[in-house]
Amino acid sequence: MLRVLWELGEEGLTFRALRARCNDMSPSVLNRRIRELRQAGILEPRPADGYHLTQEGRSLLPALRSIGQWAERRAAPSRRLRRARTQYHRAR
């Protein structure tokens, strides 16, 4: 569900474009996520240009950005560790 919110954060997307941005999530799973987000009042369809976040949905974006920044900080040490392990094994 977070992935759908993240991808719709800056612009509206059609179902097909949203699915592509979500690494080709299965249509049934994406439909379920969209339905849940619509029922929660976070997402709305617009016939002309696909799905958009509502005002309530957009209010979640600062929290999502904070989570994304936290994830980036947590991932950096893991990437450095993997790189160091690779270099170590290549040197052997």
Protein backbone atom coordinates (compact mmCIF):
# COMPACT_ATOMS: atom_id res chain seq x y z
CA MET A 1 0.00 0.00 0.00
CA LEU A 2 2.85 2.38 0.78
CA ARG A 3 4.28 1.84 -2.68
CA VAL A 4 1.02 2.95 -4.30
CA LEU A 5 0.93 6.07 -2.13
CA TRP A 6 4.56 6.83 -2.91
CA GLU A 7 4.08 6.51 -6.66
CA LEU A 8 1.01 8.75 -6.65
CA GLY A 9 2.69 11.36 -4.49
CA GLU A 10 3.61 13.82 -7.21
CA GLU A 11 1.19 13.10 -10.02
CA GLY A 12 -1.88 11.20 -11.06
CA LEU A 13 -1.39 7.93 -12.90
CA THR A 14 -3.54 5.60 -14.94
CA PHE A 15 -3.91 2.03 -13.73
CA ARG A 16 -1.41 0.82 -16.33
CA ALA A 17 1.18 3.50 -15.45
CA LEU A 18 0.73 2.88 -11.73
CA ARG A 19 1.16 -0.85 -12.23
CA ALA A 20 4.38 -0.28 -14.20
CA ARG A 21 5.75 2.01 -11.47
CA CYS A 22 4.95 -0.66 -8.89
CA ASN A 23 7.19 -3.20 -10.66
CA ASP A 24 4.25 -4.80 -12.46
CA MET A 25 2.35 -5.63 -9.28
CA SER A 26 -0.37 -8.13 -10.16
CA PRO A 27 -3.58 -6.47 -11.32
CA SER A 28 -5.63 -8.16 -8.60
CA VAL A 29 -3.32 -6.92 -5.83
CA LEU A 30 -3.19 -3.40 -7.27
CA ASN A 31 -6.99 -3.32 -7.60
CA ARG A 32 -7.31 -4.38 -3.98
CA ARG A 33 -4.90 -1.66 -2.84
CA ILE A 34 -6.72 0.96 -4.88
CA ARG A 35 -10.08 -0.14 -3.47
CA GLU A 36 -8.76 0.02 0.11
CA LEU A 37 -7.26 3.47 -0.44
CA ARG A 38 -10.47 4.75 -2.05
CA GLN A 39 -12.55 3.43 0.84
CA ALA A 40 -10.22 5.21 3.26
CA GLY A 41 -10.67 8.48 1.35
CA ILE A 42 -6.98 8.63 0.43
CA LEU A 43 -7.26 8.04 -3.30
CA GLU A 44 -9.75 9.15 -5.95
CA PRO A 45 -10.20 8.27 -9.61
CA ARG A 46 -10.38 11.03 -12.19
CA PRO A 47 -11.74 9.89 -15.53
CA ALA A 48 -9.46 12.16 -17.54
CA ASP A 49 -6.12 11.23 -16.02
CA GLY A 50 -6.26 8.26 -13.66
CA TYR A 51 -5.83 8.04 -9.91
CA HIS A 52 -4.84 10.91 -7.63
CA LEU A 53 -4.30 11.37 -3.93
CA THR A 54 -7.03 13.28 -2.14
CA GLN A 55 -6.22 16.12 0.24
CA GLU A 56 -6.14 13.50 3.01
CA GLY A 57 -3.78 11.37 0.93
CA ARG A 58 -1.47 14.29 0.24
CA SER A 59 -1.32 14.97 3.99
CA LEU A 60 0.50 11.61 4.32
CA LEU A 61 3.36 12.62 2.01
CA PRO A 62 5.58 14.28 4.64
CA ALA A 63 5.44 11.09 6.73
CA LEU A 64 6.23 8.97 3.66
CA ARG A 65 9.20 11.16 2.82
CA SER A 66 10.50 10.78 6.37
CA ILE A 67 10.18 7.01 6.11
CA GLY A 68 12.01 7.09 2.77
CA GLN A 69 14.86 9.14 4.24
CA TRP A 70 15.10 6.76 7.20
CA ALA A 71 15.24 3.78 4.82
CA GLU A 72 18.00 5.42 2.79
CA ARG A 73 20.08 5.99 5.92
CA ARG A 74 19.56 2.39 7.02
CA ALA A 75 20.40 1.02 3.57
CA ALA A 76 23.67 2.94 3.22
CA PRO A 77 25.58 0.87 5.84
CA SER A 78 24.29 -2.34 4.26
CA ARG A 79 25.52 -1.26 0.84
CA ARG A 80 28.94 -0.36 2.27
CA LEU A 81 29.14 -3.71 4.05
CA ARG A 82 28.24 -5.64 0.88
CA ARG A 83 30.81 -3.67 -1.09
CA ALA A 84 33.50 -4.36 1.51
CA ARG A 85 32.67 -8.09 1.55
CA THR A 86 32.84 -8.23 -2.25
CA GLN A 87 36.21 -6.48 -2.30
CA TYR A 88 37.52 -8.77 0.43
CA HIS A 89 36.48 -11.93 -1.43
CA ARG A 90 37.89 -10.67 -4.72
CA ALA A 91 41.24 -9.96 -3.04
CA ARG A 92 41.51 -13.51 -1.72
